[in-house]
Amino acid sequence: MGLKEIVEKERSFCIAAGVFISTRVFDSLSTALGVSKFGIECEQNPIARSVMEQMGIVPGLALKNLIMGVGVLGFTYGLNKLPGERNDGNSILYMASAVSLPFVIHNFYQYFAY
């Protein structure tokens, strides 16, 4: 089965995953901008801050989002594969994206307002 067939079969998951990945990209971008302008201390997540201090801003953000993305996407894809016609994994992806949006908006606001 090729990529096209997989996307057709899993269309709703691919859309939810695309929304989730997009919010992760915007979160990383807004965090990188904020940290570059205000310093590493503005990062409120102590684990992310520690990783960025050890590895650098961009590699740290990339590693954090890679680990989180693989974990969340793997979990939600597996959840969708449980018996039944439910797509609970998609709902979790949309909720995770919705929860991230206020932080992304806040980060961009802080960067451009000050």
Protein backbone atom coordinates (compact mmCIF):
# COMPACT_ATOMS: atom_id res chain seq x y z
CA MET A 1 0.00 0.00 0.00
CA GLY A 2 1.44 3.36 -1.04
CA LEU A 3 1.32 6.71 0.70
CA LYS A 4 -1.68 7.81 -1.34
CA GLU A 5 -3.72 4.78 -0.25
CA ILE A 6 -2.74 5.27 3.40
CA VAL A 7 -3.77 8.94 3.31
CA GLU A 8 -7.10 8.05 1.67
CA LYS A 9 -7.79 5.33 4.25
CA GLU A 10 -6.75 7.50 7.19
CA ARG A 11 -7.94 10.87 5.87
CA SER A 12 -9.58 12.10 9.10
CA PHE A 13 -6.50 11.18 11.15
CA CYS A 14 -4.19 12.87 8.64
CA ILE A 15 -6.20 16.09 8.88
CA ALA A 16 -6.16 16.01 12.70
CA ALA A 17 -2.43 15.20 12.67
CA GLY A 18 -1.79 18.09 10.27
CA VAL A 19 -3.58 20.51 12.59
CA PHE A 20 -1.61 19.18 15.58
CA ILE A 21 1.74 19.39 13.74
CA SER A 22 0.93 22.92 12.57
CA THR A 23 0.28 24.09 16.12
CA ARG A 24 3.56 22.46 17.24
CA VAL A 25 5.44 24.33 14.48
CA PHE A 26 3.87 27.65 15.45
CA ASP A 27 4.54 26.95 19.14
CA SER A 28 8.19 26.25 18.38
CA LEU A 29 8.51 29.34 16.22
CA SER A 30 6.86 31.60 18.78
CA THR A 31 8.97 30.11 21.59
CA ALA A 32 12.19 30.54 19.62
CA LEU A 33 11.33 34.17 18.87
CA GLY A 34 10.46 34.86 22.50
CA VAL A 35 13.60 33.21 23.84
CA SER A 36 15.77 35.04 21.31
CA LYS A 37 14.27 38.38 22.38
CA PHE A 38 13.76 37.93 26.14
CA GLY A 39 16.21 35.18 27.07
CA ILE A 40 15.84 31.55 28.08
CA GLU A 41 14.25 32.54 31.40
CA CYS A 42 10.98 33.41 29.63
CA GLU A 43 10.36 29.71 28.88
CA GLN A 44 7.90 28.58 31.55
CA ASN A 45 8.27 24.83 30.94
CA PRO A 46 11.22 23.77 33.12
CA ILE A 47 11.92 20.62 31.10
CA ALA A 48 11.91 22.48 27.79
CA ARG A 49 14.05 25.25 29.30
CA SER A 50 16.59 22.72 30.58
CA VAL A 51 16.78 20.95 27.22
CA MET A 52 17.23 24.28 25.41
CA GLU A 53 19.97 25.30 27.87
CA GLN A 54 21.82 22.03 27.29
CA MET A 55 21.39 21.74 23.51
CA GLY A 56 20.63 25.23 22.27
CA ILE A 57 17.30 26.81 21.43
CA VAL A 58 16.53 25.28 18.04
CA PRO A 59 17.90 21.76 18.68
CA GLY A 60 16.20 21.70 22.09
CA LEU A 61 12.85 22.74 20.67
CA ALA A 62 13.23 20.24 17.84
CA LEU A 63 13.99 17.39 20.24
CA LYS A 64 11.13 18.32 22.59
CA ASN A 65 8.62 18.48 19.76
CA LEU A 66 9.93 15.33 18.10
CA ILE A 67 9.53 13.30 21.29
CA MET A 68 6.15 14.84 22.09
CA GLY A 69 4.91 14.57 18.50
CA VAL A 70 5.88 10.92 18.07
CA GLY A 71 4.36 10.06 21.44
CA VAL A 72 1.09 11.90 20.91
CA LEU A 73 0.65 10.89 17.27
CA GLY A 74 1.51 7.26 18.03
CA PHE A 75 -0.89 7.12 20.97
CA THR A 76 -3.76 8.74 19.11
CA TYR A 77 -3.24 6.61 15.99
CA GLY A 78 -3.30 3.49 18.15
CA LEU A 79 -6.40 4.75 19.94
CA ASN A 80 -8.16 5.09 16.58
CA LYS A 81 -7.29 1.46 15.82
CA LEU A 82 -9.25 0.11 18.79
CA PRO A 83 -12.37 -1.84 17.81
CA GLY A 84 -15.37 0.25 16.91
CA GLU A 85 -16.05 3.19 14.66
CA ARG A 86 -14.88 5.88 17.08
CA ASN A 87 -12.12 8.36 16.32
CA ASP A 88 -11.17 9.34 19.86
CA GLY A 89 -7.56 9.84 18.81
CA ASN A 90 -8.61 12.57 16.40
CA SER A 91 -10.53 14.32 19.18
CA ILE A 92 -7.44 14.26 21.39
CA LEU A 93 -5.34 15.78 18.60
CA TYR A 94 -7.84 18.59 18.08
CA MET A 95 -8.03 19.23 21.84
CA ALA A 96 -4.23 19.28 22.15
CA SER A 97 -4.10 21.77 19.29
CA ALA A 98 -6.79 23.94 20.87
CA VAL A 99 -4.96 23.94 24.22
CA SER A 100 -1.72 25.04 22.51
CA LEU A 101 -3.26 27.96 20.64
CA PRO A 102 -3.55 30.41 23.57
CA PHE A 103 0.15 29.87 24.34
CA VAL A 104 1.12 30.46 20.71
CA ILE A 105 -0.98 33.63 20.57
CA HIS A 106 0.51 34.81 23.88
CA ASN A 107 4.07 34.16 22.68
CA PHE A 108 3.56 36.06 19.42
CA TYR A 109 1.81 38.90 21.27
CA GLN A 110 4.70 39.21 23.72
CA TYR A 111 7.24 39.17 20.89
CA PHE A 112 5.55 41.77 18.70
CA ALA A 113 4.03 43.99 21.41
CA TYR A 114 7.21 44.64 23.37
